[in-house]
């Protein structure tokens, strides 16, 4: 058995071979971002371990893959792994921590009841100001404890262009919760690349309106709308350190499918 360097397009890493056949591999793409600096991203399909091989082998492959990354200053490593199986524990032992949780839930064939004390309706392009009234709820929450996401709170005008595009996209469904003409929360969904799957990228409730059932109402309406539109499954993700999200989504039937793990390597002296 030998471990050798591996390049796949823009991705670099290493692979283990036995009698000329690959038995394990790990590659990643280098990048730079405000919240993680110079980093290497190893996606869910960027690593493999042949049946019967020990996860210890993948640890050795990571060591070989990571050496040139660290030597060139890419000291933050991101690896996405299935939630089930031996890989999370193996990477935890290598010093990785859980950063992001990915989960899925079935759509809701049953129509939700009418909300109590607020209304839910679909928003359109003309509702941009109403949406922007609550669009910063996620970044505001994640700037604080215990998430400390390392990103500045999004300002209203910084969010405008992205939300204008979402509201104008006929594939996207944006639901808005209101009371007396005042925005309280929102949720958005759009089709994923996988057939039958819809992605839920953002959902939020204004901080002073939490505990009123707004989030539950929005999500149940979104899941039912996805059923009406012919989807079978909804996917989403959240920061592990976002306590509100970590408690809310499993209660809504979302089951964890895979994890994004992160390690910040101490650079060589």
C-alpha atoms as a PDB file:
ATOM      1  CA  UNK A   1       0.000   0.000   0.000  1.00  0.00           C
ATOM      2  CA  UNK A   2       1.240   3.482  -0.852  1.00  0.00           C
ATOM      3  CA  UNK A   3      -0.064   7.024  -0.341  1.00  0.00           C
ATOM      4  CA  UNK A   4       0.646   9.425  -3.185  1.00  0.00           C
ATOM      5  CA  UNK A   5      -0.244  13.000  -4.115  1.00  0.00           C
ATOM      6  CA  UNK A   6      -3.413  13.473  -6.152  1.00  0.00           C
ATOM      7  CA  UNK A   7      -4.733  16.281  -8.356  1.00  0.00           C
ATOM      8  CA  UNK A   8      -8.265  16.353  -9.757  1.00  0.00           C
ATOM      9  CA  UNK A   9      -8.806  19.544 -11.742  1.00  0.00           C
ATOM     10  CA  UNK A  10      -8.450  22.437  -9.291  1.00  0.00           C
ATOM     11  CA  UNK A  11      -8.534  20.061  -6.315  1.00  0.00           C
ATOM     12  CA  UNK A  12      -5.406  18.689  -4.651  1.00  0.00           C
ATOM     13  CA  UNK A  13      -4.896  16.008  -2.046  1.00  0.00           C
ATOM     14  CA  UNK A  14      -3.738  12.409  -1.782  1.00  0.00           C
ATOM     15  CA  UNK A  15      -4.864   8.843  -2.337  1.00  0.00           C
ATOM     16  CA  UNK A  16      -3.975   5.425  -0.951  1.00  0.00           C
ATOM     17  CA  UNK A  17      -3.456   2.627  -3.468  1.00  0.00           C
ATOM     18  CA  UNK A  18      -3.114  -1.126  -3.069  1.00  0.00           C
ATOM     19  CA  UNK A  19      -2.063  -3.302  -6.006  1.00  0.00           C
ATOM     20  CA  UNK A  20      -2.730  -0.360  -8.285  1.00  0.00           C
ATOM     21  CA  UNK A  21      -6.305   0.237  -7.067  1.00  0.00           C
ATOM     22  CA  UNK A  22      -7.519   3.236  -5.068  1.00  0.00           C
ATOM     23  CA  UNK A  23      -8.636   2.296  -1.569  1.00  0.00           C
ATOM     24  CA  UNK A  24      -8.953   5.805  -0.118  1.00  0.00           C
ATOM     25  CA  UNK A  25      -8.660   9.405  -1.267  1.00  0.00           C
ATOM     26  CA  UNK A  26      -9.173  12.974  -0.087  1.00  0.00           C
ATOM     27  CA  UNK A  27      -8.956  16.157  -2.162  1.00  0.00           C
ATOM     28  CA  UNK A  28      -9.959  19.755  -1.574  1.00  0.00           C
ATOM     29  CA  UNK A  29     -10.158  23.096  -3.327  1.00  0.00           C
ATOM     30  CA  UNK A  30      -8.274  26.084  -1.966  1.00  0.00           C
ATOM     31  CA  UNK A  31     -10.086  29.343  -1.339  1.00  0.00           C
ATOM     32  CA  UNK A  32     -10.217  32.501   0.753  1.00  0.00           C
ATOM     33  CA  UNK A  33     -13.177  33.931   2.671  1.00  0.00           C
ATOM     34  CA  UNK A  34     -13.674  36.546   5.430  1.00  0.00           C
ATOM     35  CA  UNK A  35     -14.873  34.039   8.030  1.00  0.00           C
ATOM     36  CA  UNK A  36     -12.222  31.365   7.433  1.00  0.00           C
ATOM     37  CA  UNK A  37      -9.282  33.051   5.705  1.00  0.00           C
ATOM     38  CA  UNK A  38      -7.159  30.865   3.431  1.00  0.00           C
ATOM     39  CA  UNK A  39      -8.842  27.495   3.588  1.00  0.00           C
ATOM     40  CA  UNK A  40      -9.282  24.164   1.832  1.00  0.00           C
ATOM     41  CA  UNK A  41     -12.788  22.800   1.233  1.00  0.00           C
ATOM     42  CA  UNK A  42     -13.270  19.022   1.060  1.00  0.00           C
ATOM     43  CA  UNK A  43     -16.816  18.298  -0.063  1.00  0.00           C
ATOM     44  CA  UNK A  44     -18.993  15.269   0.573  1.00  0.00           C
ATOM     45  CA  UNK A  45     -17.839  13.633  -2.669  1.00  0.00           C
ATOM     46  CA  UNK A  46     -14.189  14.646  -2.283  1.00  0.00           C
ATOM     47  CA  UNK A  47     -13.172  11.715  -0.104  1.00  0.00           C
ATOM     48  CA  UNK A  48     -13.667   7.956  -0.185  1.00  0.00           C
ATOM     49  CA  UNK A  49     -12.819   4.809   1.714  1.00  0.00           C
ATOM     50  CA  UNK A  50     -13.120   1.387   0.116  1.00  0.00           C
ATOM     51  CA  UNK A  51     -15.367  -1.202   1.841  1.00  0.00           C
ATOM     52  CA  UNK A  52     -13.533  -3.034   4.581  1.00  0.00           C
ATOM     53  CA  UNK A  53     -10.838  -0.397   4.960  1.00  0.00           C
ATOM     54  CA  UNK A  54     -10.294   1.230   8.362  1.00  0.00           C
ATOM     55  CA  UNK A  55     -11.082   4.928   8.855  1.00  0.00           C
ATOM     56  CA  UNK A  56      -7.518   5.147  10.170  1.00  0.00           C
ATOM     57  CA  UNK A  57      -6.381   4.946   6.569  1.00  0.00           C
ATOM     58  CA  UNK A  58      -8.312   8.104   5.687  1.00  0.00           C
ATOM     59  CA  UNK A  59      -6.527   9.860   8.565  1.00  0.00           C
ATOM     60  CA  UNK A  60      -3.196   8.967   6.973  1.00  0.00           C
ATOM     61  CA  UNK A  61      -4.430  10.191   3.597  1.00  0.00           C
ATOM     62  CA  UNK A  62      -5.521  13.495   5.184  1.00  0.00           C
ATOM     63  CA  UNK A  63      -2.054  13.886   6.717  1.00  0.00           C
ATOM     64  CA  UNK A  64      -0.464  13.504   3.295  1.00  0.00           C
ATOM     65  CA  UNK A  65      -3.016  15.764   1.591  1.00  0.00           C
ATOM     66  CA  UNK A  66      -2.787  18.458   4.237  1.00  0.00           C
ATOM     67  CA  UNK A  67       0.983  18.791   4.350  1.00  0.00           C
ATOM     68  CA  UNK A  68       1.324  20.976   1.218  1.00  0.00           C
ATOM     69  CA  UNK A  69      -1.828  22.887   2.176  1.00  0.00           C
ATOM     70  CA  UNK A  70      -0.333  23.943   5.500  1.00  0.00           C
ATOM     71  CA  UNK A  71       3.069  24.612   3.993  1.00  0.00           C
ATOM     72  CA  UNK A  72       1.470  27.076   1.569  1.00  0.00           C
ATOM     73  CA  UNK A  73      -0.535  28.848   4.283  1.00  0.00           C
ATOM     74  CA  UNK A  74      -3.939  27.160   3.919  1.00  0.00           C
ATOM     75  CA  UNK A  75      -4.410  26.340   7.577  1.00  0.00           C
ATOM     76  CA  UNK A  76      -8.205  26.164   7.848  1.00  0.00           C
ATOM     77  CA  UNK A  77      -9.538  22.818   6.655  1.00  0.00           C
ATOM     78  CA  UNK A  78     -13.229  22.125   5.988  1.00  0.00           C
ATOM     79  CA  UNK A  79     -14.473  18.556   5.511  1.00  0.00           C
ATOM     80  CA  UNK A  80     -18.085  17.493   4.866  1.00  0.00           C
ATOM     81  CA  UNK A  81     -18.896  13.947   6.048  1.00  0.00           C
ATOM     82  CA  UNK A  82     -21.993  11.751   6.457  1.00  0.00           C
ATOM     83  CA  UNK A  83     -23.523  12.159   9.907  1.00  0.00           C
ATOM     84  CA  UNK A  84     -23.781   8.401  10.345  1.00  0.00           C
ATOM     85  CA  UNK A  85     -20.811   6.067  10.347  1.00  0.00           C
ATOM     86  CA  UNK A  86     -17.246   6.289  11.637  1.00  0.00           C
ATOM     87  CA  UNK A  87     -15.997   9.416   9.838  1.00  0.00           C
ATOM     88  CA  UNK A  88     -17.195  12.119  12.256  1.00  0.00           C
ATOM     89  CA  UNK A  89     -15.420  10.459  15.190  1.00  0.00           C
ATOM     90  CA  UNK A  90     -12.277   9.902  13.123  1.00  0.00           C
ATOM     91  CA  UNK A  91     -12.092  13.575  12.120  1.00  0.00           C
ATOM     92  CA  UNK A  92     -12.969  14.728  15.643  1.00  0.00           C
ATOM     93  CA  UNK A  93      -9.906  12.789  16.808  1.00  0.00           C
ATOM     94  CA  UNK A  94      -7.878  14.725  14.249  1.00  0.00           C
ATOM     95  CA  UNK A  95      -8.882  18.007  15.872  1.00  0.00           C
ATOM     96  CA  UNK A  96     -11.880  18.912  13.724  1.00  0.00           C
ATOM     97  CA  UNK A  97     -14.990  20.432  15.280  1.00  0.00           C
ATOM     98  CA  UNK A  98     -18.583  20.423  14.071  1.00  0.00           C
ATOM     99  CA  UNK A  99     -19.410  23.722  12.366  1.00  0.00           C
ATOM    100  CA  UNK A 100     -22.523  23.159  10.231  1.00  0.00           C
ATOM    101  CA  UNK A 101     -25.390  20.678  10.299  1.00  0.00           C
ATOM    102  CA  UNK A 102     -27.253  19.552   7.166  1.00  0.00           C
ATOM    103  CA  UNK A 103     -30.682  17.952   7.515  1.00  0.00           C
ATOM    104  CA  UNK A 104     -33.764  16.868   5.579  1.00  0.00           C
ATOM    105  CA  UNK A 105     -37.462  16.420   6.257  1.00  0.00           C
ATOM    106  CA  UNK A 106     -40.427  15.220   4.204  1.00  0.00           C
ATOM    107  CA  UNK A 107     -42.877  17.778   2.870  1.00  0.00           C
ATOM    108  CA  UNK A 108     -46.269  18.161   4.587  1.00  0.00           C
ATOM    109  CA  UNK A 109     -49.281  16.822   2.657  1.00  0.00           C
ATOM    110  CA  UNK A 110     -51.595  18.088   5.411  1.00  0.00           C
ATOM    111  CA  UNK A 111     -52.642  21.725   5.192  1.00  0.00           C
ATOM    112  CA  UNK A 112     -51.543  23.714   8.271  1.00  0.00           C
ATOM    113  CA  UNK A 113     -54.098  25.501  10.401  1.00  0.00           C
ATOM    114  CA  UNK A 114     -54.585  29.243  10.310  1.00  0.00           C
ATOM    115  CA  UNK A 115     -52.014  31.088  12.439  1.00  0.00           C
ATOM    116  CA  UNK A 116     -53.194  32.736  15.643  1.00  0.00           C
ATOM    117  CA  UNK A 117     -52.442  36.439  15.961  1.00  0.00           C
ATOM    118  CA  UNK A 118     -50.625  36.940  12.654  1.00  0.00           C
ATOM    119  CA  UNK A 119     -51.014  36.276   8.939  1.00  0.00           C
ATOM    120  CA  UNK A 120     -48.838  34.355   6.476  1.00  0.00           C
ATOM    121  CA  UNK A 121     -48.788  35.210   2.786  1.00  0.00           C
ATOM    122  CA  UNK A 122     -46.514  34.803  -0.200  1.00  0.00           C
ATOM    123  CA  UNK A 123     -44.340  37.826  -0.881  1.00  0.00           C
ATOM    124  CA  UNK A 124     -43.570  39.220  -4.312  1.00  0.00           C
ATOM    125  CA  UNK A 125     -41.262  41.848  -5.805  1.00  0.00           C
ATOM    126  CA  UNK A 126     -43.450  44.679  -4.475  1.00  0.00           C
ATOM    127  CA  UNK A 127     -42.818  43.455  -0.915  1.00  0.00           C
ATOM    128  CA  UNK A 128     -39.073  44.093  -0.953  1.00  0.00           C
ATOM    129  CA  UNK A 129     -39.212  46.709   1.824  1.00  0.00           C
ATOM    130  CA  UNK A 130     -41.376  44.453   4.017  1.00  0.00           C
ATOM    131  CA  UNK A 131     -38.895  41.606   3.584  1.00  0.00           C
ATOM    132  CA  UNK A 132     -35.895  43.839   4.261  1.00  0.00           C
ATOM    133  CA  UNK A 133     -37.520  44.879   7.548  1.00  0.00           C
ATOM    134  CA  UNK A 134     -36.710  41.403   8.902  1.00  0.00           C
ATOM    135  CA  UNK A 135     -34.023  40.086   6.538  1.00  0.00           C
ATOM    136  CA  UNK A 136     -31.140  40.792   8.934  1.00  0.00           C
ATOM    137  CA  UNK A 137     -32.469  38.548  11.709  1.00  0.00           C
ATOM    138  CA  UNK A 138     -30.113  35.661  10.916  1.00  0.00           C
ATOM    139  CA  UNK A 139     -26.881  37.646  10.659  1.00  0.00           C
ATOM    140  CA  UNK A 140     -27.785  39.658  13.768  1.00  0.00           C
ATOM    141  CA  UNK A 141     -28.378  36.508  15.776  1.00  0.00           C
ATOM    142  CA  UNK A 142     -25.268  34.723  14.504  1.00  0.00           C
ATOM    143  CA  UNK A 143     -23.013  37.658  15.323  1.00  0.00           C
ATOM    144  CA  UNK A 144     -23.748  37.072  19.009  1.00  0.00           C
ATOM    145  CA  UNK A 145     -23.199  34.313  21.570  1.00  0.00           C
ATOM    146  CA  UNK A 146     -22.579  31.480  21.263  1.00  0.00           C
ATOM    147  CA  UNK A 147     -22.353  31.483  17.459  1.00  0.00           C
ATOM    148  CA  UNK A 148     -19.845  34.323  17.029  1.00  0.00           C
ATOM    149  CA  UNK A 149     -19.829  33.617  13.287  1.00  0.00           C
ATOM    150  CA  UNK A 150     -17.065  36.108  12.559  1.00  0.00           C
ATOM    151  CA  UNK A 151     -19.106  38.042  10.012  1.00  0.00           C
ATOM    152  CA  UNK A 152     -20.549  41.564  10.336  1.00  0.00           C
ATOM    153  CA  UNK A 153     -24.287  42.056  10.673  1.00  0.00           C
ATOM    154  CA  UNK A 154     -25.756  42.467   7.195  1.00  0.00           C
ATOM    155  CA  UNK A 155     -27.012  45.981   6.520  1.00  0.00           C
ATOM    156  CA  UNK A 156     -30.324  46.640   4.802  1.00  0.00           C
ATOM    157  CA  UNK A 157     -28.889  47.900   1.508  1.00  0.00           C
ATOM    158  CA  UNK A 158     -26.354  45.077   1.389  1.00  0.00           C
ATOM    159  CA  UNK A 159     -29.250  42.619   1.412  1.00  0.00           C
ATOM    160  CA  UNK A 160     -31.409  44.406  -1.137  1.00  0.00           C
ATOM    161  CA  UNK A 161     -29.991  43.021  -4.380  1.00  0.00           C
ATOM    162  CA  UNK A 162     -30.066  39.398  -3.238  1.00  0.00           C
ATOM    163  CA  UNK A 163     -33.637  39.628  -1.998  1.00  0.00           C
ATOM    164  CA  UNK A 164     -34.782  41.446  -5.128  1.00  0.00           C
ATOM    165  CA  UNK A 165     -33.446  38.523  -7.164  1.00  0.00           C
ATOM    166  CA  UNK A 166     -35.173  35.952  -4.945  1.00  0.00           C
ATOM    167  CA  UNK A 167     -38.509  37.763  -5.022  1.00  0.00           C
ATOM    168  CA  UNK A 168     -38.340  38.065  -8.804  1.00  0.00           C
ATOM    169  CA  UNK A 169     -37.445  34.401  -9.331  1.00  0.00           C
ATOM    170  CA  UNK A 170     -40.588  32.426 -10.219  1.00  0.00           C
ATOM    171  CA  UNK A 171     -39.052  29.234  -8.798  1.00  0.00           C
ATOM    172  CA  UNK A 172     -38.577  30.771  -5.359  1.00  0.00           C
ATOM    173  CA  UNK A 173     -41.336  30.899  -2.745  1.00  0.00           C
ATOM    174  CA  UNK A 174     -40.942  33.570  -0.061  1.00  0.00           C
ATOM    175  CA  UNK A 175     -43.510  33.515   2.742  1.00  0.00           C
ATOM    176  CA  UNK A 176     -43.905  36.512   5.019  1.00  0.00           C
ATOM    177  CA  UNK A 177     -45.503  36.586   8.483  1.00  0.00           C
ATOM    178  CA  UNK A 178     -47.203  39.879   9.333  1.00  0.00           C
ATOM    179  CA  UNK A 179     -49.318  41.455  12.060  1.00  0.00           C
ATOM    180  CA  UNK A 180     -51.088  44.716  11.442  1.00  0.00           C
ATOM    181  CA  UNK A 181     -48.993  45.338   8.340  1.00  0.00           C
ATOM    182  CA  UNK A 182     -45.767  44.811  10.279  1.00  0.00           C
ATOM    183  CA  UNK A 183     -43.258  42.131   9.201  1.00  0.00           C
ATOM    184  CA  UNK A 184     -42.500  39.523  11.866  1.00  0.00           C
ATOM    185  CA  UNK A 185     -40.675  36.742  10.033  1.00  0.00           C
ATOM    186  CA  UNK A 186     -40.008  35.036   6.740  1.00  0.00           C
ATOM    187  CA  UNK A 187     -38.987  31.788   5.046  1.00  0.00           C
ATOM    188  CA  UNK A 188     -37.757  31.102   1.515  1.00  0.00           C
ATOM    189  CA  UNK A 189     -37.492  27.933  -0.576  1.00  0.00           C
ATOM    190  CA  UNK A 190     -36.331  27.135  -4.091  1.00  0.00           C
ATOM    191  CA  UNK A 191     -35.757  23.918  -6.079  1.00  0.00           C
ATOM    192  CA  UNK A 192     -32.499  22.052  -5.507  1.00  0.00           C
ATOM    193  CA  UNK A 193     -30.595  20.267  -8.276  1.00  0.00           C
ATOM    194  CA  UNK A 194     -31.807  16.860  -7.070  1.00  0.00           C
ATOM    195  CA  UNK A 195     -35.252  15.902  -8.427  1.00  0.00           C
ATOM    196  CA  UNK A 196     -38.008  16.128  -5.829  1.00  0.00           C
ATOM    197  CA  UNK A 197     -35.851  18.173  -3.457  1.00  0.00           C
ATOM    198  CA  UNK A 198     -36.407  21.772  -2.412  1.00  0.00           C
ATOM    199  CA  UNK A 199     -33.827  23.864  -0.558  1.00  0.00           C
ATOM    200  CA  UNK A 200     -34.713  26.109   2.379  1.00  0.00           C
ATOM    201  CA  UNK A 201     -31.841  28.625   2.547  1.00  0.00           C
ATOM    202  CA  UNK A 202     -33.190  31.168   5.033  1.00  0.00           C
ATOM    203  CA  UNK A 203     -35.865  31.510   7.688  1.00  0.00           C
ATOM    204  CA  UNK A 204     -36.045  33.968  10.528  1.00  0.00           C
ATOM    205  CA  UNK A 205     -38.277  35.559  13.109  1.00  0.00           C
ATOM    206  CA  UNK A 206     -37.803  39.027  14.546  1.00  0.00           C
ATOM    207  CA  UNK A 207     -36.168  38.738  17.973  1.00  0.00           C
ATOM    208  CA  UNK A 208     -38.961  40.518  19.835  1.00  0.00           C
ATOM    209  CA  UNK A 209     -41.592  38.280  18.184  1.00  0.00           C
ATOM    210  CA  UNK A 210     -40.117  34.900  19.086  1.00  0.00           C
ATOM    211  CA  UNK A 211     -42.203  32.506  21.138  1.00  0.00           C
ATOM    212  CA  UNK A 212     -45.455  33.359  19.341  1.00  0.00           C
ATOM    213  CA  UNK A 213     -45.426  30.379  16.972  1.00  0.00           C
ATOM    214  CA  UNK A 214     -44.352  32.437  13.981  1.00  0.00           C
ATOM    215  CA  UNK A 215     -41.425  30.205  13.003  1.00  0.00           C
ATOM    216  CA  UNK A 216     -43.514  27.051  13.339  1.00  0.00           C
ATOM    217  CA  UNK A 217     -46.303  28.549  11.255  1.00  0.00           C
ATOM    218  CA  UNK A 218     -43.950  29.716   8.516  1.00  0.00           C
ATOM    219  CA  UNK A 219     -42.175  26.375   8.264  1.00  0.00           C
ATOM    220  CA  UNK A 220     -45.373  24.319   8.231  1.00  0.00           C
ATOM    221  CA  UNK A 221     -46.789  26.527   5.467  1.00  0.00           C
ATOM    222  CA  UNK A 222     -43.517  26.267   3.530  1.00  0.00           C
ATOM    223  CA  UNK A 223     -43.442  22.467   3.801  1.00  0.00           C
ATOM    224  CA  UNK A 224     -47.059  22.211   2.697  1.00  0.00           C
ATOM    225  CA  UNK A 225     -46.446  24.569  -0.214  1.00  0.00           C
ATOM    226  CA  UNK A 226     -43.509  22.377  -1.261  1.00  0.00           C
ATOM    227  CA  UNK A 227     -45.870  19.388  -1.303  1.00  0.00           C
ATOM    228  CA  UNK A 228     -48.367  21.299  -3.427  1.00  0.00           C
ATOM    229  CA  UNK A 229     -45.569  22.170  -5.852  1.00  0.00           C
ATOM    230  CA  UNK A 230     -44.673  18.497  -6.297  1.00  0.00           C
ATOM    231  CA  UNK A 231     -41.614  18.175  -4.085  1.00  0.00           C
ATOM    232  CA  UNK A 232     -40.989  15.271  -1.723  1.00  0.00           C
ATOM    233  CA  UNK A 233     -38.187  16.459   0.560  1.00  0.00           C
ATOM    234  CA  UNK A 234     -36.860  19.712   2.035  1.00  0.00           C
ATOM    235  CA  UNK A 235     -33.188  20.252   2.861  1.00  0.00           C
ATOM    236  CA  UNK A 236     -31.501  22.952   4.947  1.00  0.00           C
ATOM    237  CA  UNK A 237     -28.480  23.589   7.132  1.00  0.00           C
ATOM    238  CA  UNK A 238     -27.568  25.572  10.227  1.00  0.00           C
ATOM    239  CA  UNK A 239     -24.593  26.451  12.415  1.00  0.00           C
ATOM    240  CA  UNK A 240     -24.032  23.954  15.220  1.00  0.00           C
ATOM    241  CA  UNK A 241     -23.521  26.829  17.628  1.00  0.00           C
ATOM    242  CA  UNK A 242     -26.841  28.434  16.712  1.00  0.00           C
ATOM    243  CA  UNK A 243     -28.789  27.124  19.693  1.00  0.00           C
ATOM    244  CA  UNK A 244     -32.154  28.368  18.430  1.00  0.00           C
ATOM    245  CA  UNK A 245     -31.738  26.560  15.114  1.00  0.00           C
ATOM    246  CA  UNK A 246     -30.222  23.427  16.681  1.00  0.00           C
ATOM    247  CA  UNK A 247     -33.303  23.044  18.869  1.00  0.00           C
ATOM    248  CA  UNK A 248     -35.934  24.257  16.405  1.00  0.00           C
ATOM    249  CA  UNK A 249     -35.287  22.230  13.264  1.00  0.00           C
ATOM    250  CA  UNK A 250     -35.181  18.712  14.790  1.00  0.00           C
ATOM    251  CA  UNK A 251     -38.516  19.482  16.474  1.00  0.00           C
ATOM    252  CA  UNK A 252     -39.923  20.215  13.026  1.00  0.00           C
ATOM    253  CA  UNK A 253     -38.954  16.732  11.839  1.00  0.00           C
ATOM    254  CA  UNK A 254     -35.586  17.460  10.235  1.00  0.00           C
ATOM    255  CA  UNK A 255     -33.113  14.572  10.465  1.00  0.00           C
ATOM    256  CA  UNK A 256     -29.376  15.233  10.258  1.00  0.00           C
ATOM    257  CA  UNK A 257     -27.807  13.786   7.101  1.00  0.00           C
ATOM    258  CA  UNK A 258     -24.262  15.155   7.057  1.00  0.00           C
ATOM    259  CA  UNK A 259     -21.934  17.491   8.917  1.00  0.00           C
ATOM    260  CA  UNK A 260     -19.471  20.182   7.973  1.00  0.00           C
ATOM    261  CA  UNK A 261     -16.368  19.913  10.130  1.00  0.00           C
ATOM    262  CA  UNK A 262     -13.654  22.524  10.562  1.00  0.00           C
ATOM    263  CA  UNK A 263     -10.084  22.511  11.813  1.00  0.00           C
ATOM    264  CA  UNK A 264      -7.870  25.570  12.246  1.00  0.00           C
ATOM    265  CA  UNK A 265      -4.326  24.259  12.111  1.00  0.00           C
ATOM    266  CA  UNK A 266      -1.601  26.017  14.077  1.00  0.00           C
ATOM    267  CA  UNK A 267       0.734  27.241  11.325  1.00  0.00           C
ATOM    268  CA  UNK A 268       4.375  26.202  11.500  1.00  0.00           C
ATOM    269  CA  UNK A 269       6.660  28.563  13.412  1.00  0.00           C
END
